[in-house]
Amino acid sequence: MSKNYSQKAKVAISVSSEVGRLRRVLVHSPDSGLGKVVPSKAQDWLFEDIVHLETIRRKEYDYYTKLLLYFLDPGKIKGRLAEVDDTSNKRAFYKPGDERFFRSDKVVELQWLLSDILADHAIKLKLVASVCAIEACSYETQENLQQLDPVQLAKTFISGATNNDRLLFAPIPNFIFTRDIGIVINHYVLLNKPAKKARTREALLAKYIFFNHPLFQEYRENILELTDTHHHFLLPREGDDRKVTLEGGDVMVVSKDHLLIGVSERTSAEAAHQAIQLLFEKNIVKKITIIRIPKKRDYMHIDTIFTQVKRNVWILLGTFSNKAIKHEDEDEVQRILDSNKKEDKLKIIQFRKKDPGNPEYFDSLEDLLTDISKNDLECTEKIRFIYSGNNEFPFDAREQWTDSCNLLALKEGVVLGYDRNDKTVEAFKANGFEVVAAGELVDQLEKGEIDPDHLENTLILMPSAELSRARGGFHCMSMPLHRDEL
């Protein structure tokens, strides 16, 4: 095991809100597998396009890593920016297999954890056998994988390639979206069950990490899994609501007593049903609200149509709001007909542990989010909504597609978003938020001109030419392990 985690130590796992000060987060930086996505397989691997790996790494995601470290673990980067940015070291600071890797236990890299557990020979044999089984590898390939050292084996499991860049099986390019592998709910971890075959290996690797890494040792009894129904093998391969599929982008912890679960293209009604039973039975939360959204690629998870910015501020897509845009060429009859399309309607049902058979219904997202802010978070300020694309057609849909609603709160009111969503940026400014480019903020943090603890009401704009084409924002690219309580 890594020297950082070799001793038994209690590490706080606690998330009871979407906007409490972020203290520990699980991430995975773009690996070489992203550079192996080919057009003919892009959609099978859940990508809309192929992306340029070096641009994603050097000009985009590296800023994300730097900002996370300045906010969560400044001792790993403060005063070292020139060294970190030195091009002669070939990005060693960012590479989990390199001796110069930043190795933070606050900004926790999945690949690093995977190589840690693979140092245990028994775990290594089990995981090699498991991966080879789901990837239909030959016996010879299985034996060859067993000979790899933990660092190289971890890299191969994720990228699909050996040291000489020979592909043994498909990469798992969606591993950068760590939100989907699981979700921390108070002091529990709920692991996912992916809807798409392309993510099966991700779920397997995540399961082994959570059950075997010392980082989570104190919480092993608090790791939860949903089970398949006894007749699951008789159901269609995909798309049936009776199958159990759950992804973290459809789960939001909005207070210590209240959880949101989306029923979507990726999360089934049966999974929501099981989650309600399990979480109520273990007394983990008191309320669970189910948000059924259209099963469309446009939306994917509920965190693609709304996220929280502050106790009293939310960003959302106007399509599902009280302020749905009336198109210029739409008459009254057409609007009424369109509003009754069942497949496009949102359905919101809230279940309470004390009386699950008597749910409450909400007519709109604004009604639900207002109720959360006022009643769950006891907010006395005016509740405000910021809309994707400033709620202007066609910018609302265009910018939602590039994750204008998929923001990560580093602390209450300080969120990360993409720099390409211009109209959404205008909406933030109109609501009193400061806007700062990631590169500019990194320089200010390095010089000590800004204290992260004093930063307020700020939208941090991240470079996004390539990252946004991967179809996920920073909410997707983060699995919070610990947030301060609000």
Protein backbone atom coordinates (compact mmCIF):
# COMPACT_ATOMS: atom_id res chain seq x y z
CA MET A 1 0.00 0.00 0.00
CA SER A 2 1.01 3.64 -0.48
CA LYS A 3 3.01 4.99 2.43
CA ASN A 4 0.31 7.65 2.93
CA TYR A 5 -2.32 5.02 3.65
CA SER A 6 -0.26 2.15 5.07
CA GLN A 7 -1.35 2.87 8.63
CA LYS A 8 -4.92 2.38 9.77
CA ALA A 9 -6.44 5.84 10.00
CA LYS A 10 -9.94 7.18 10.27
CA VAL A 11 -10.70 9.42 7.31
CA ALA A 12 -13.85 11.49 7.43
CA ILE A 13 -16.53 10.45 4.95
CA SER A 14 -19.39 12.90 5.31
CA VAL A 15 -21.59 14.71 2.81
CA SER A 16 -24.84 16.30 3.93
CA SER A 17 -25.30 19.04 1.34
CA GLU A 18 -24.44 20.07 -2.20
CA VAL A 19 -22.76 23.35 -1.22
CA GLY A 20 -20.95 22.87 2.11
CA ARG A 21 -17.21 23.65 1.98
CA LEU A 22 -15.59 20.84 -0.01
CA ARG A 23 -12.81 19.12 1.98
CA ARG A 24 -12.17 15.81 0.21
CA VAL A 25 -13.06 14.73 -3.33
CA LEU A 26 -12.49 11.70 -5.53
CA VAL A 27 -11.32 12.45 -9.08
CA HIS A 28 -9.67 10.80 -12.05
CA SER A 29 -7.57 12.87 -14.43
CA PRO A 30 -7.88 12.22 -18.18
CA ASP A 31 -5.86 9.12 -19.05
CA SER A 32 -4.58 7.77 -22.36
CA GLY A 33 -7.85 5.87 -22.89
CA LEU A 34 -9.52 9.17 -23.85
CA GLY A 35 -7.06 9.43 -26.71
CA LYS A 36 -8.10 6.02 -28.02
CA VAL A 37 -11.78 6.77 -28.60
CA VAL A 38 -12.43 6.32 -32.32
CA PRO A 39 -15.44 7.71 -34.24
CA SER A 40 -16.94 4.28 -34.92
CA LYS A 41 -17.02 3.47 -31.18
CA ALA A 42 -17.61 6.93 -29.70
CA GLN A 43 -21.33 6.49 -29.05
CA ASP A 44 -20.88 2.93 -27.77
CA TRP A 45 -18.44 4.37 -25.27
CA LEU A 46 -20.94 7.18 -24.48
CA PHE A 47 -19.05 9.98 -26.26
CA GLU A 48 -20.57 12.24 -28.89
CA ASP A 49 -17.22 13.01 -30.49
CA ILE A 50 -13.54 12.24 -30.26
CA VAL A 51 -11.49 14.64 -28.13
CA HIS A 52 -7.91 15.90 -28.22
CA LEU A 53 -6.19 14.39 -25.19
CA GLU A 54 -3.29 16.81 -24.75
CA THR A 55 -5.58 19.85 -24.92
CA ILE A 56 -7.88 18.33 -22.30
CA ARG A 57 -4.92 17.61 -20.06
CA ARG A 58 -2.62 20.60 -20.35
CA LYS A 59 -4.98 23.44 -21.19
CA GLU A 60 -8.13 22.39 -19.36
CA TYR A 61 -8.22 19.65 -16.70
CA ASP A 62 -4.84 20.66 -15.19
CA TYR A 63 -6.47 23.92 -14.08
CA TYR A 64 -9.15 21.87 -12.33
CA THR A 65 -6.50 19.90 -10.44
CA LYS A 66 -4.65 23.07 -9.44
CA LEU A 67 -7.79 24.78 -8.15
CA LEU A 68 -8.86 21.72 -6.17
CA LEU A 69 -5.43 21.59 -4.54
CA TYR A 70 -5.37 25.32 -3.71
CA PHE A 71 -8.80 25.00 -2.07
CA LEU A 72 -8.47 21.55 -0.44
CA ASP A 73 -4.76 20.79 0.02
CA PRO A 74 -2.69 23.95 -0.61
CA GLY A 75 0.45 22.46 0.92
CA LYS A 76 0.76 20.22 -2.15
CA ILE A 77 0.95 23.13 -4.62
CA LYS A 78 1.43 26.53 -2.95
CA GLY A 79 4.86 27.88 -3.83
CA ARG A 80 5.43 25.14 -6.41
CA LEU A 81 3.47 26.48 -9.39
CA ALA A 82 6.56 27.17 -11.52
CA GLU A 83 7.79 23.62 -10.89
CA VAL A 84 4.34 22.15 -11.57
CA ASP A 85 4.06 24.04 -14.87
CA ASP A 86 7.61 23.21 -16.00
CA THR A 87 7.14 21.47 -19.37
CA SER A 88 10.44 19.62 -19.10
CA ASN A 89 9.09 17.22 -16.48
CA LYS A 90 6.36 15.91 -18.82
CA ARG A 91 3.52 16.62 -16.38
CA ALA A 92 4.95 14.28 -13.73
CA PHE A 93 3.03 16.18 -11.03
CA TYR A 94 -0.27 14.99 -12.54
CA LYS A 95 0.64 11.35 -13.28
CA PRO A 96 -0.44 8.80 -10.61
CA GLY A 97 2.33 6.37 -11.58
CA ASP A 98 5.14 8.90 -11.25
CA GLU A 99 7.21 9.41 -8.10
CA ARG A 100 6.57 13.16 -8.40
CA PHE A 101 2.77 12.77 -8.44
CA PHE A 102 1.04 15.14 -6.00
CA ARG A 103 -0.42 12.27 -3.87
CA SER A 104 -3.04 14.20 -1.98
CA ASP A 105 -5.41 12.55 0.48
CA LYS A 106 -7.79 15.48 -0.07
CA VAL A 107 -7.83 15.52 -3.87
CA VAL A 108 -7.89 11.75 -4.19
CA GLU A 109 -6.96 10.15 -7.51
CA LEU A 110 -8.79 6.91 -8.38
CA GLN A 111 -5.88 5.42 -10.32
CA TRP A 112 -3.60 5.92 -7.34
CA LEU A 113 -6.06 4.10 -5.05
CA LEU A 114 -6.37 1.28 -7.58
CA SER A 115 -2.62 0.74 -7.75
CA ASP A 116 -2.54 0.75 -3.93
CA ILE A 117 -4.97 -2.14 -3.57
CA LEU A 118 -3.29 -4.09 -6.39
CA ALA A 119 -0.17 -4.31 -4.19
CA ASP A 120 -2.12 -6.94 -2.25
CA HIS A 121 -1.51 -10.18 -4.20
CA ALA A 122 -4.85 -11.79 -3.29
CA ILE A 123 -6.81 -8.71 -4.41
CA LYS A 124 -4.70 -8.49 -7.55
CA LEU A 125 -5.56 -12.10 -8.54
CA LYS A 126 -9.27 -11.58 -7.88
CA LEU A 127 -9.46 -8.34 -9.82
CA VAL A 128 -7.46 -9.66 -12.78
CA ALA A 129 -9.79 -12.65 -12.96
CA SER A 130 -12.88 -10.45 -12.68
CA VAL A 131 -11.77 -7.99 -15.36
CA CYS A 132 -10.71 -10.80 -17.70
CA ALA A 133 -14.08 -12.49 -17.21
CA ILE A 134 -16.16 -9.44 -18.15
CA GLU A 135 -13.79 -8.58 -21.03
CA ALA A 136 -13.64 -12.19 -22.33
CA CYS A 137 -9.83 -12.29 -22.25
CA SER A 138 -7.81 -15.38 -23.09
CA TYR A 139 -6.21 -17.43 -20.31
CA GLU A 140 -2.81 -16.32 -21.56
CA THR A 141 -3.78 -12.65 -21.27
CA GLN A 142 -4.98 -13.26 -17.72
CA GLU A 143 -1.65 -14.83 -16.77
CA ASN A 144 0.27 -11.99 -18.41
CA LEU A 145 -1.75 -9.36 -16.50
CA GLN A 146 -0.92 -11.10 -13.24
CA GLN A 147 2.76 -10.43 -13.92
CA LEU A 148 2.34 -6.64 -14.19
CA ASP A 149 3.37 -4.43 -11.29
CA PRO A 150 0.51 -2.63 -9.46
CA VAL A 151 1.12 0.76 -11.09
CA GLN A 152 1.16 -0.59 -14.65
CA LEU A 153 -1.77 -2.93 -13.98
CA ALA A 154 -3.90 -0.07 -12.68
CA LYS A 155 -3.08 1.92 -15.80
CA THR A 156 -3.94 -1.05 -18.04
CA PHE A 157 -7.27 -1.67 -16.29
CA ILE A 158 -8.26 1.94 -16.98
CA SER A 159 -6.74 2.68 -20.39
CA GLY A 160 -7.04 -0.85 -21.79
CA ALA A 161 -3.42 -0.73 -22.99
CA THR A 162 -0.12 -2.25 -21.94
CA ASN A 163 3.21 -0.44 -21.56
CA ASN A 164 3.90 -0.78 -25.27
CA ASP A 165 0.50 0.80 -26.00
CA ARG A 166 -1.05 -2.46 -27.21
CA LEU A 167 -4.78 -2.49 -26.53
CA LEU A 168 -5.98 -5.59 -24.66
CA PHE A 169 -9.56 -4.39 -24.23
CA ALA A 170 -11.55 -1.20 -24.60
CA PRO A 171 -10.63 1.85 -22.52
CA ILE A 172 -13.08 3.26 -19.98
CA PRO A 173 -12.97 6.95 -20.94
CA ASN A 174 -15.96 7.79 -18.71
CA PHE A 175 -13.89 7.10 -15.59
CA ILE A 176 -13.19 10.85 -15.42
CA PHE A 177 -16.85 11.25 -14.38
CA THR A 178 -16.29 10.02 -10.84
CA ARG A 179 -19.70 11.29 -9.66
CA ASP A 180 -21.32 8.32 -11.35
CA ILE A 181 -19.42 5.54 -9.57
CA GLY A 182 -21.07 6.28 -6.24
CA ILE A 183 -22.41 8.90 -3.89
CA VAL A 184 -21.67 9.73 -0.25
CA ILE A 185 -24.90 10.19 1.73
CA ASN A 186 -24.08 11.48 5.22
CA HIS A 187 -21.65 8.79 6.44
CA TYR A 188 -22.61 6.12 3.91
CA VAL A 189 -21.44 5.34 0.37
CA LEU A 190 -24.02 4.14 -2.16
CA LEU A 191 -22.28 2.42 -5.09
CA ASN A 192 -23.72 2.62 -8.57
CA LYS A 193 -25.07 0.07 -11.02
CA PRO A 194 -24.34 1.50 -14.47
CA ALA A 195 -26.97 1.44 -17.17
CA LYS A 196 -24.54 1.06 -20.06
CA LYS A 197 -22.20 -1.84 -20.74
CA ALA A 198 -19.36 0.60 -21.44
CA ARG A 199 -19.25 1.45 -17.72
CA THR A 200 -19.31 -2.09 -16.27
CA ARG A 201 -15.56 -2.18 -15.61
CA GLU A 202 -15.70 1.21 -13.89
CA ALA A 203 -18.22 -0.12 -11.39
CA LEU A 204 -16.13 -3.23 -10.75
CA LEU A 205 -12.93 -1.26 -10.11
CA ALA A 206 -14.77 1.19 -7.86
CA LYS A 207 -16.28 -1.63 -5.82
CA TYR A 208 -12.86 -3.16 -5.17
CA ILE A 209 -11.42 0.23 -4.22
CA PHE A 210 -14.16 1.10 -1.74
CA PHE A 211 -14.21 -2.31 -0.08
CA ASN A 212 -10.44 -2.79 0.08
CA HIS A 213 -8.59 0.52 0.35
CA PRO A 214 -7.49 1.70 3.84
CA LEU A 215 -8.89 5.15 3.04
CA PHE A 216 -12.39 3.70 3.46
CA GLN A 217 -11.57 1.02 6.03
CA GLU A 218 -13.50 2.65 8.89
CA TYR A 219 -16.58 2.91 6.67
CA ARG A 220 -16.63 -0.54 5.13
CA GLU A 221 -19.88 -1.44 6.93
CA ASN A 222 -21.41 1.74 5.53
CA ILE A 223 -20.88 0.87 1.86
CA LEU A 224 -24.23 0.10 0.25
CA GLU A 225 -25.09 -1.76 -2.95
CA LEU A 226 -28.36 -2.28 -4.76
CA THR A 227 -29.12 -5.80 -5.94
CA ASP A 228 -30.66 -7.02 -9.17
CA THR A 229 -34.21 -8.33 -9.07
CA HIS A 230 -34.35 -12.14 -8.97
CA HIS A 231 -35.63 -12.25 -12.55
CA HIS A 232 -33.32 -9.55 -13.97
CA PHE A 233 -31.84 -11.89 -16.58
CA LEU A 234 -35.25 -12.19 -18.24
CA LEU A 235 -35.57 -8.45 -18.82
CA PRO A 236 -34.47 -6.53 -21.95
CA ARG A 237 -30.81 -5.53 -22.03
CA GLU A 238 -31.38 -1.80 -21.59
CA GLY A 239 -34.15 0.70 -21.00
CA ASP A 240 -36.54 -1.35 -18.87
CA ASP A 241 -37.57 0.44 -15.67
CA ARG A 242 -37.65 -2.89 -13.81
CA LYS A 243 -33.91 -3.31 -14.28
CA VAL A 244 -31.78 -1.93 -11.46
CA THR A 245 -29.55 0.81 -12.83
CA LEU A 246 -28.29 3.75 -10.80
CA GLU A 247 -25.68 6.44 -11.52
CA GLY A 248 -24.42 9.11 -9.14
CA GLY A 249 -25.34 12.00 -11.41
CA ASP A 250 -28.95 11.18 -10.54
CA VAL A 251 -28.41 11.43 -6.78
CA MET A 252 -28.11 14.69 -4.82
CA VAL A 253 -27.72 15.10 -1.07
CA VAL A 254 -29.46 18.43 -0.50
CA SER A 255 -29.59 18.17 3.31
CA LYS A 256 -28.74 15.58 5.96
CA ASP A 257 -32.35 14.38 5.93
CA HIS A 258 -33.27 14.83 2.27
CA LEU A 259 -32.06 13.05 -0.86
CA LEU A 260 -33.00 13.61 -4.51
CA ILE A 261 -32.99 10.70 -6.97
CA GLY A 262 -33.53 11.15 -10.68
CA VAL A 263 -35.27 8.53 -12.80
CA SER A 264 -33.69 9.09 -16.18
CA GLU A 265 -31.99 7.55 -19.18
CA ARG A 266 -29.43 6.06 -16.77
CA THR A 267 -31.31 5.46 -13.49
CA SER A 268 -34.35 3.19 -13.39
CA ALA A 269 -37.55 3.38 -11.35
CA GLU A 270 -36.70 0.00 -9.79
CA ALA A 271 -33.34 1.34 -8.60
CA ALA A 272 -35.10 4.37 -7.09
CA HIS A 273 -37.56 2.03 -5.40
CA GLN A 274 -34.77 -0.09 -3.92
CA ALA A 275 -32.84 2.97 -2.79
CA ILE A 276 -35.88 4.34 -0.98
CA GLN A 277 -36.39 1.05 0.85
CA LEU A 278 -32.71 0.66 1.76
CA LEU A 279 -32.08 4.24 2.90
CA PHE A 280 -35.29 4.43 4.94
CA GLU A 281 -34.66 1.02 6.49
CA LYS A 282 -31.18 2.10 7.64
CA ASN A 283 -32.54 5.48 8.80
CA ILE A 284 -30.00 7.36 6.66
CA VAL A 285 -32.44 10.04 5.47
CA LYS A 286 -36.01 11.04 6.26
CA LYS A 287 -37.13 12.28 2.84
CA ILE A 288 -36.43 11.11 -0.70
CA THR A 289 -37.73 13.02 -3.70
CA ILE A 290 -37.96 11.24 -7.02
CA ILE A 291 -37.55 13.43 -10.11
CA ARG A 292 -38.55 11.66 -13.29
CA ILE A 293 -37.08 13.36 -16.35
CA PRO A 294 -37.38 12.47 -20.05
CA LYS A 295 -35.20 9.54 -21.11
CA LYS A 296 -33.21 11.58 -23.57
CA ARG A 297 -29.51 11.85 -24.24
CA ASP A 298 -29.91 15.64 -23.96
CA TYR A 299 -30.47 15.33 -20.21
CA MET A 300 -28.90 12.01 -19.14
CA HIS A 301 -28.93 12.77 -15.36
CA ILE A 302 -30.73 15.30 -13.17
CA ASP A 303 -27.44 17.12 -12.59
CA THR A 304 -27.44 18.07 -16.26
CA ILE A 305 -30.63 20.11 -15.78
CA PHE A 306 -30.00 21.68 -12.36
CA THR A 307 -27.42 22.05 -9.59
CA GLN A 308 -27.18 24.15 -6.43
CA VAL A 309 -25.05 27.28 -6.11
CA LYS A 310 -26.00 28.58 -2.64
CA ARG A 311 -28.62 27.83 -0.01
CA ASN A 312 -30.94 30.18 -1.86
CA VAL A 313 -29.55 30.04 -5.42
CA TRP A 314 -29.98 27.31 -8.03
CA ILE A 315 -29.15 27.02 -11.72
CA LEU A 316 -31.54 25.14 -13.96
CA LEU A 317 -32.76 24.58 -17.48
CA GLY A 318 -35.83 26.71 -18.21
CA THR A 319 -37.44 23.91 -20.23
CA PHE A 320 -38.47 22.27 -16.94
CA SER A 321 -39.32 25.46 -15.11
CA ASN A 322 -42.21 27.84 -14.52
CA LYS A 323 -40.49 30.11 -17.01
CA ALA A 324 -40.45 27.74 -19.98
CA ILE A 325 -39.66 29.76 -23.09
CA LYS A 326 -42.45 30.55 -25.49
CA HIS A 327 -41.01 30.37 -28.99
CA GLU A 328 -41.82 33.26 -31.28
CA ASP A 329 -43.69 31.16 -33.84
CA GLU A 330 -45.68 29.17 -31.28
CA ASP A 331 -49.40 29.90 -30.91
CA GLU A 332 -51.60 29.13 -27.88
CA VAL A 333 -52.98 25.86 -29.27
CA GLN A 334 -49.53 24.52 -30.10
CA ARG A 335 -48.22 25.40 -26.64
CA ILE A 336 -51.10 23.58 -24.94
CA LEU A 337 -50.58 20.50 -27.10
CA ASP A 338 -46.84 20.50 -26.48
CA SER A 339 -47.31 20.87 -22.73
CA ASN A 340 -49.26 17.62 -22.62
CA LYS A 341 -46.60 15.43 -24.22
CA LYS A 342 -46.07 12.78 -21.55
CA GLU A 343 -42.54 11.97 -22.63
CA ASP A 344 -41.42 15.58 -22.11
CA LYS A 345 -43.07 16.13 -18.75
CA LEU A 346 -41.31 16.27 -15.42
CA LYS A 347 -42.77 14.31 -12.52
CA ILE A 348 -41.73 15.03 -8.94
CA ILE A 349 -42.80 12.79 -6.04
CA GLN A 350 -41.57 13.15 -2.46
CA PHE A 351 -41.63 10.19 -0.06
CA ARG A 352 -41.26 10.50 3.72
CA LYS A 353 -39.93 7.74 5.95
CA LYS A 354 -42.71 8.18 8.50
CA ASP A 355 -45.46 7.70 5.88
CA PRO A 356 -44.08 6.51 2.50
CA GLY A 357 -47.55 5.57 1.26
CA ASN A 358 -48.69 9.19 1.35
CA PRO A 359 -46.27 11.09 -0.93
CA GLU A 360 -46.25 14.79 -1.77
CA TYR A 361 -46.21 16.03 -5.37
CA PHE A 362 -44.54 19.13 -6.80
CA ASP A 363 -45.61 20.85 -10.00
CA SER A 364 -42.22 22.27 -11.00
CA LEU A 365 -38.54 22.26 -10.20
CA GLU A 366 -38.80 25.78 -8.79
CA ASP A 367 -41.45 24.63 -6.33
CA LEU A 368 -39.28 21.73 -5.15
CA LEU A 369 -36.05 23.72 -4.94
CA THR A 370 -37.78 26.59 -3.14
CA ASP A 371 -39.15 24.10 -0.61
CA ILE A 372 -35.64 22.67 -0.09
CA SER A 373 -34.10 26.10 0.44
CA LYS A 374 -36.82 27.28 2.83
CA ASN A 375 -37.73 24.17 4.78
CA ASP A 376 -34.67 21.89 4.63
CA LEU A 377 -31.99 24.59 4.71
CA GLU A 378 -34.02 27.14 6.73
CA CYS A 379 -33.11 29.91 4.33
CA THR A 380 -34.73 33.28 5.02
CA GLU A 381 -33.28 35.07 1.98
CA LYS A 382 -35.14 35.37 -1.30
CA ILE A 383 -34.84 32.20 -3.39
CA ARG A 384 -33.24 32.93 -6.76
CA PHE A 385 -32.97 30.92 -9.95
CA ILE A 386 -30.36 31.37 -12.64
CA TYR A 387 -31.31 29.84 -15.98
CA SER A 388 -29.22 28.12 -18.61
CA GLY A 389 -28.47 30.47 -21.49
CA ASN A 390 -30.21 33.24 -19.52
CA ASN A 391 -33.43 31.45 -20.54
CA GLU A 392 -33.10 32.71 -24.11
CA PHE A 393 -33.78 30.43 -27.08
CA PRO A 394 -31.73 28.79 -28.58
CA PHE A 395 -28.94 29.51 -26.06
CA ASP A 396 -30.76 27.72 -23.25
CA ALA A 397 -30.57 24.34 -25.01
CA ARG A 398 -27.15 24.94 -26.57
CA GLU A 399 -25.52 25.83 -23.26
CA GLN A 400 -27.29 23.08 -21.32
CA TRP A 401 -25.76 20.65 -23.82
CA THR A 402 -22.34 22.03 -22.84
CA ASP A 403 -23.14 21.65 -19.13
CA SER A 404 -24.18 25.14 -18.10
CA CYS A 405 -26.28 23.55 -15.33
CA ASN A 406 -23.63 21.05 -14.20
CA LEU A 407 -21.66 23.10 -11.68
CA LEU A 408 -19.50 22.02 -8.75
CA ALA A 409 -19.59 24.07 -5.55
CA LEU A 410 -16.17 24.34 -3.89
CA LYS A 411 -17.96 26.17 -1.10
CA GLU A 412 -21.29 27.91 -0.86
CA GLY A 413 -21.55 30.45 -3.68
CA VAL A 414 -18.20 29.55 -5.30
CA VAL A 415 -18.76 27.27 -8.28
CA LEU A 416 -16.84 25.88 -11.26
CA GLY A 417 -18.32 26.06 -14.76
CA TYR A 418 -17.31 26.17 -18.41
CA ASP A 419 -16.13 29.38 -20.07
CA ARG A 420 -18.03 28.70 -23.31
CA ASN A 421 -21.53 29.26 -21.88
CA ASP A 422 -21.66 33.00 -22.49
CA LYS A 423 -25.35 33.68 -21.87
CA THR A 424 -25.27 31.71 -18.63
CA VAL A 425 -22.29 33.79 -17.53
CA GLU A 426 -24.36 36.91 -18.23
CA ALA A 427 -27.12 35.50 -16.03
CA PHE A 428 -24.65 34.96 -13.16
CA LYS A 429 -23.38 38.52 -13.48
CA ALA A 430 -26.94 39.84 -13.46
CA ASN A 431 -27.45 37.97 -10.18
CA GLY A 432 -24.50 39.66 -8.50
CA PHE A 433 -21.79 37.06 -9.04
CA GLU A 434 -18.18 37.85 -9.80
CA VAL A 435 -16.74 35.96 -12.76
CA VAL A 436 -13.07 34.98 -12.92
CA ALA A 437 -11.05 32.87 -15.35
CA ALA A 438 -9.39 29.78 -13.84
CA GLY A 439 -5.88 30.79 -15.00
CA GLU A 440 -6.20 34.24 -13.49
CA LEU A 441 -7.47 32.81 -10.19
CA VAL A 442 -4.63 30.26 -10.00
CA ASP A 443 -2.09 33.08 -10.34
CA GLN A 444 -3.82 35.09 -7.62
CA LEU A 445 -3.93 32.10 -5.28
CA GLU A 446 -0.23 31.37 -5.87
CA LYS A 447 0.72 34.99 -5.12
CA GLY A 448 -1.44 35.02 -2.00
CA GLU A 449 -3.62 37.82 -3.36
CA ILE A 450 -6.78 35.79 -2.65
CA ASP A 451 -7.64 33.54 0.28
CA PRO A 452 -9.99 30.69 -0.79
CA ASP A 453 -11.79 30.99 2.56
CA HIS A 454 -12.68 34.60 1.80
CA LEU A 455 -13.88 34.08 -1.77
CA GLU A 456 -17.64 34.61 -2.14
CA ASN A 457 -20.31 34.69 -4.85
CA THR A 458 -17.96 33.70 -7.66
CA LEU A 459 -18.30 31.74 -10.87
CA ILE A 460 -14.91 30.31 -11.85
CA LEU A 461 -14.68 29.81 -15.61
CA MET A 462 -12.73 26.76 -16.72
CA PRO A 463 -11.29 26.30 -20.24
CA SER A 464 -13.66 23.98 -22.05
CA ALA A 465 -13.03 23.56 -25.77
CA GLU A 466 -12.40 19.81 -25.44
CA LEU A 467 -13.69 18.86 -21.98
CA SER A 468 -17.22 20.00 -22.79
CA ARG A 469 -17.29 17.65 -25.78
CA ALA A 470 -16.94 14.72 -23.38
CA ARG A 471 -20.50 15.53 -22.20
CA GLY A 472 -19.95 16.25 -18.53
CA GLY A 473 -19.20 19.23 -16.33
CA PHE A 474 -17.39 19.53 -13.01
CA HIS A 475 -20.30 18.19 -11.01
CA CYS A 476 -19.88 15.02 -13.09
CA MET A 477 -16.10 15.06 -12.66
CA SER A 478 -16.21 14.97 -8.87
CA MET A 479 -17.32 12.59 -6.15
CA PRO A 480 -17.32 14.57 -2.90
CA LEU A 481 -16.17 12.44 0.03
CA HIS A 482 -16.34 15.15 2.69
CA ARG A 483 -18.09 18.51 2.89
CA ASP A 484 -18.44 20.75 5.94
CA GLU A 485 -21.95 20.83 7.34
CA LEU A 486 -23.91 23.91 6.41
